Protein backbone atom coordinates (compact mmCIF):
# COMPACT_ATOMS: atom_id res chain seq x y z
CA MET A 1 3.15 4.59 4.27
CA LEU A 2 0.11 2.58 3.47
CA THR A 3 -2.72 2.24 6.26
CA LEU A 4 -4.27 -1.04 7.35
CA PHE A 5 -7.59 -1.28 9.16
CA HIS A 6 -7.20 -4.26 11.23
CA HIS A 7 -7.84 -6.24 14.34
CA SER A 8 -4.92 -8.14 16.09
CA MET A 9 -7.12 -11.21 16.72
CA SER A 10 -8.25 -11.53 12.90
CA PRO A 11 -6.04 -14.00 10.91
CA SER A 12 -6.86 -12.44 7.68
CA CYS A 13 -5.52 -9.17 9.04
CA ARG A 14 -2.26 -10.89 10.37
CA PHE A 15 -1.90 -12.47 7.02
CA VAL A 16 -1.62 -8.93 5.21
CA ARG A 17 0.53 -7.80 7.86
CA LEU A 18 3.14 -10.55 7.39
CA ALA A 19 3.00 -10.33 3.54
CA PHE A 20 4.03 -6.65 3.80
CA GLY A 21 6.49 -7.43 6.45
CA GLU A 22 8.14 -10.12 4.22
CA TYR A 23 8.71 -7.56 1.62
CA GLY A 24 10.33 -5.13 4.32
CA GLU A 25 7.38 -2.47 4.21
CA GLU A 26 5.68 -1.00 7.29
CA LEU A 27 2.09 -0.17 7.51
CA ALA A 28 0.38 2.30 9.60
CA LEU A 29 -2.15 0.26 11.65
CA ILE A 30 -5.68 1.25 12.73
CA GLU A 31 -7.33 -1.14 14.91
CA GLU A 32 -11.00 -1.33 13.97
CA LYS A 33 -13.81 -3.19 16.05
CA PRO A 34 -15.89 -4.67 13.14
CA TRP A 35 -18.95 -5.17 15.40
CA ALA A 36 -19.05 -1.23 16.23
CA ARG A 37 -19.83 -0.54 12.40
CA ARG A 38 -18.44 2.91 12.42
CA LYS A 39 -19.80 5.03 9.73
CA GLU A 40 -16.41 6.21 8.60
CA PHE A 41 -15.26 2.58 8.26
CA LEU A 42 -18.45 1.59 6.39
CA ASN A 43 -17.75 4.31 3.97
CA LEU A 44 -14.52 2.54 2.98
CA ASN A 45 -16.08 -0.86 3.14
CA PRO A 46 -19.94 -1.23 3.16
CA ALA A 47 -19.70 -4.82 4.10
CA GLY A 48 -17.97 -3.84 7.31
CA THR A 49 -15.45 -6.61 7.18
CA LEU A 50 -11.53 -6.61 7.77
CA PRO A 51 -8.88 -6.14 6.46
CA VAL A 52 -9.15 -3.05 4.46
CA LEU A 53 -6.03 -1.42 3.01
CA LEU A 54 -5.77 2.22 2.22
CA ALA A 55 -3.25 1.90 -0.90
CA GLU A 56 -1.77 4.48 -2.99
CA GLY A 57 -3.87 7.53 -3.25
CA ASP A 58 -5.94 6.34 -0.19
CA VAL A 59 -8.00 4.02 -2.35
CA PRO A 60 -9.48 1.26 -0.39
CA VAL A 61 -8.44 -2.36 -1.19
CA VAL A 62 -10.88 -4.71 0.58
CA GLY A 63 -10.22 -8.29 1.70
CA ALA A 64 -7.31 -10.49 2.41
CA SER A 65 -7.20 -12.21 -0.97
CA VAL A 66 -7.64 -9.11 -2.90
CA ILE A 67 -4.95 -7.35 -0.88
CA ALA A 68 -2.69 -10.34 -1.50
CA GLU A 69 -3.18 -10.10 -5.27
CA TYR A 70 -2.53 -6.40 -5.10
CA VAL A 71 0.65 -6.85 -3.00
CA ASP A 72 1.79 -9.48 -5.42
CA GLU A 73 1.24 -7.22 -8.59
CA THR A 74 2.73 -3.91 -7.16
CA ARG A 75 5.70 -5.63 -5.09
CA GLY A 76 5.86 -9.39 -5.40
CA VAL A 77 6.69 -9.51 -9.20
CA LEU A 78 9.92 -7.51 -8.34
CA LYS A 79 11.15 -9.76 -5.71
CA ARG A 80 12.35 -12.83 -7.78
CA ASP A 81 13.12 -15.71 -5.58
CA LYS A 82 11.49 -13.83 -2.54
CA ARG A 83 8.03 -13.55 -4.36
CA LEU A 84 5.28 -14.87 -2.05
CA PHE A 85 3.53 -16.36 -5.21
CA ALA A 86 4.90 -19.13 -7.56
CA GLU A 87 6.02 -18.24 -11.17
CA ASP A 88 4.05 -20.92 -12.65
CA PRO A 89 0.10 -21.14 -12.68
CA ILE A 90 -0.22 -24.57 -11.10
CA GLY A 91 2.08 -23.36 -8.26
CA ARG A 92 -0.02 -20.31 -7.84
CA ALA A 93 -3.21 -22.42 -7.75
CA GLU A 94 -1.83 -24.53 -4.94
CA ILE A 95 -0.87 -21.41 -3.05
CA ARG A 96 -4.23 -20.00 -3.47
CA ARG A 97 -6.00 -23.21 -2.38
CA LEU A 98 -3.92 -23.35 0.89
CA ALA A 99 -4.41 -19.76 1.69
CA ASP A 100 -8.24 -20.18 1.02
CA TRP A 101 -8.11 -23.29 3.27
CA TYR A 102 -6.82 -21.43 6.17
CA LEU A 103 -8.43 -18.02 5.83
CA VAL A 104 -11.67 -19.23 4.77
CA LYS A 105 -12.21 -23.08 5.76
CA THR A 106 -10.32 -22.85 8.92
CA GLU A 107 -11.69 -19.58 9.78
CA GLY A 108 -15.26 -20.86 9.19
CA GLU A 109 -14.85 -23.88 11.26
CA VAL A 110 -12.52 -22.97 14.00
CA THR A 111 -11.14 -19.40 14.44
CA ARG A 112 -14.06 -17.32 13.88
CA HIS A 113 -16.05 -19.04 16.52
CA LEU A 114 -13.35 -19.06 19.24
CA VAL A 115 -12.31 -15.35 18.46
CA ARG A 116 -15.94 -14.26 18.65
CA GLU A 117 -16.93 -16.26 21.81
CA ARG A 118 -13.57 -15.74 23.76
CA VAL A 119 -12.31 -12.22 22.33
CA PHE A 120 -15.05 -10.18 20.94
CA LYS A 121 -18.01 -10.94 23.00
CA PRO A 122 -16.68 -9.53 26.25
CA LEU A 123 -15.96 -6.34 24.39
CA MET A 124 -19.32 -5.99 22.77
CA THR A 125 -22.52 -4.68 24.33
CA ALA A 126 -25.71 -6.67 24.53
CA ALA A 127 -27.00 -4.72 21.50
CA GLN A 128 -24.05 -5.81 19.44
CA GLY A 129 -24.45 -9.28 20.49
CA GLY A 130 -22.26 -9.53 23.36
CA GLY A 131 -22.87 -11.48 26.53
CA SER A 132 -21.75 -14.79 27.76
CA PRO A 133 -19.79 -17.27 25.67
CA ASP A 134 -21.49 -19.88 23.61
CA SER A 135 -20.08 -23.14 25.10
CA GLY A 136 -21.42 -25.06 22.28
CA ALA A 137 -19.71 -22.96 19.67
CA ILE A 138 -16.57 -23.44 21.64
CA ARG A 139 -16.79 -27.09 21.84
CA ALA A 140 -17.35 -27.46 18.20
CA ALA A 141 -14.59 -25.29 17.16
CA ARG A 142 -12.26 -27.04 19.34
CA ALA A 143 -13.32 -30.40 17.94
CA ASN A 144 -12.43 -29.19 14.37
CA ILE A 145 -8.99 -27.93 15.51
CA LYS A 146 -7.36 -31.46 15.57
CA GLN A 147 -8.09 -32.11 11.81
CA HIS A 148 -6.78 -28.81 10.78
CA LEU A 149 -3.68 -29.18 12.86
CA LYS A 150 -3.25 -32.88 11.44
CA TYR A 151 -3.56 -31.67 7.99
CA THR A 152 -0.88 -28.80 8.65
CA ASN A 153 1.43 -31.54 9.98
CA TRP A 154 1.05 -33.76 6.89
CA LEU A 155 1.80 -30.72 4.73
CA ALA A 156 4.85 -29.78 6.85
CA GLY A 157 5.98 -33.28 6.94
CA THR A 158 6.01 -33.92 3.01
CA ARG A 159 7.05 -30.53 1.90
CA ASN A 160 9.88 -27.93 2.69
CA TRP A 161 7.17 -25.26 3.01
CA LEU A 162 3.46 -25.83 2.93
CA ALA A 163 2.83 -25.13 -0.72
CA GLY A 164 6.34 -26.35 -2.19
CA THR A 165 9.97 -25.55 -1.91
CA ARG A 166 9.77 -21.92 -0.69
CA LEU A 167 7.83 -19.70 1.66
CA SER A 168 4.73 -18.44 0.14
CA TYR A 169 1.32 -16.88 0.91
CA ALA A 170 0.19 -20.39 1.91
CA ASP A 171 2.51 -20.34 4.93
CA LEU A 172 1.62 -17.00 5.92
CA ALA A 173 -1.89 -17.67 5.76
CA ALA A 174 -1.53 -20.86 7.82
CA ALA A 175 0.75 -19.15 10.46
CA ALA A 176 -1.67 -16.08 10.86
CA THR A 177 -4.44 -18.45 11.64
CA ILE A 178 -2.36 -20.74 13.89
CA SER A 179 -0.86 -17.79 15.75
CA VAL A 180 -4.38 -16.55 16.66
CA LEU A 181 -5.30 -20.05 18.13
CA ASP A 182 -2.00 -20.25 19.81
CA TYR A 183 -2.45 -16.85 21.60
CA LEU A 184 -5.60 -18.17 22.96
CA GLY A 185 -3.96 -21.52 24.04
CA GLU A 186 -5.92 -23.63 21.77
CA ILE A 187 -3.12 -25.66 20.11
CA ASP A 188 -1.90 -28.85 21.40
CA TRP A 189 1.33 -29.48 19.71
CA ALA A 190 1.99 -32.85 21.01
CA GLY A 191 1.86 -35.35 18.26
CA ASN A 192 2.31 -32.96 15.56
CA PRO A 193 5.99 -32.37 15.27
CA ALA A 194 6.26 -31.51 11.56
CA ALA A 195 3.67 -28.71 12.16
CA LYS A 196 5.48 -27.54 15.32
CA ASP A 197 8.87 -27.30 13.55
CA TRP A 198 7.37 -25.51 10.54
CA TYR A 199 5.65 -23.00 12.85
CA MET A 200 8.74 -22.39 14.74
CA ARG A 201 10.55 -21.43 11.49
CA VAL A 202 7.85 -19.04 10.30
CA LYS A 203 7.62 -17.63 13.86
CA SER A 204 11.13 -16.86 13.96
CA ARG A 205 11.07 -14.65 11.01
CA PRO A 206 11.32 -10.87 11.26
CA SER A 207 8.15 -10.25 9.72
CA PHE A 208 6.51 -12.27 12.70
CA ARG A 209 7.79 -10.14 15.50
CA PRO A 210 4.95 -7.52 15.59
CA LEU A 211 2.43 -10.26 15.85
CA LEU A 212 4.22 -11.59 18.87
CA MET A 213 3.89 -8.22 20.64
CA ASP A 214 0.01 -8.08 20.06
CA ARG A 215 -2.05 -8.28 23.21
CA VAL A 216 -5.70 -8.11 23.66
CA ARG A 217 -7.10 -6.18 26.80
CA GLY A 218 -8.24 -8.57 29.54
CA LEU A 219 -6.86 -11.63 27.65
CA SER A 220 -3.23 -12.57 28.17
CA PRO A 221 -1.48 -14.81 25.54
CA ALA A 222 -0.66 -18.47 26.29
CA ALA A 223 2.70 -18.53 28.32
CA HIS A 224 4.64 -19.93 25.18
CA TYR A 225 3.15 -17.55 22.66
CA ALA A 226 6.09 -15.14 22.18
CA ASP A 227 8.81 -17.92 22.65
CA LEU A 228 10.53 -18.84 19.44
CA ASP A 229 11.79 -22.05 20.91
CA PHE A 230 8.74 -23.72 22.49
């Protein structure tokens, strides 16, 4: 069994867990507090970022996009119509674009700030950057959510899945990101019916069940978080 160093409130980590789940493979999970900068973890990834996969031979594979490529090359190419990448270069390019949109753009504009201020800071010491939440950062992140959800609603309303006709890494990246925001109660689904319907489909997949069981100490999820029909 492969091992994933992760944090349950990291969209990139959730994305990797979903990818392995779609291919029916379990991971041994080790929760890592990235702000702690443990020496043993830094030996695996000097950058101190998550996720980190210990692949075959305990070789570290670092970063969500790198892990996704590794998973595709070692597992996906054997899955035929269940492969999470498209077969053609243009299709793969669109999947990569959308995965980057959610794991990089949405992360930078929304998720990172809300997770840091609402989840990480209460667990961090003052020396690690903990303390009172930055209300300005929270307001800015919340203002940006609407546009990202609106774009997701447009994608879901014009395509069967976000990147095309079948489930792909794009859907997993988007769902991983939205699930963290949904846990925090930051998503207003009103007015975005296509996005809601799409998210319900992804949320109902077996690969998603472990994520719905995630809990953060001292921070309960939104009441509807684990409901498949909400």
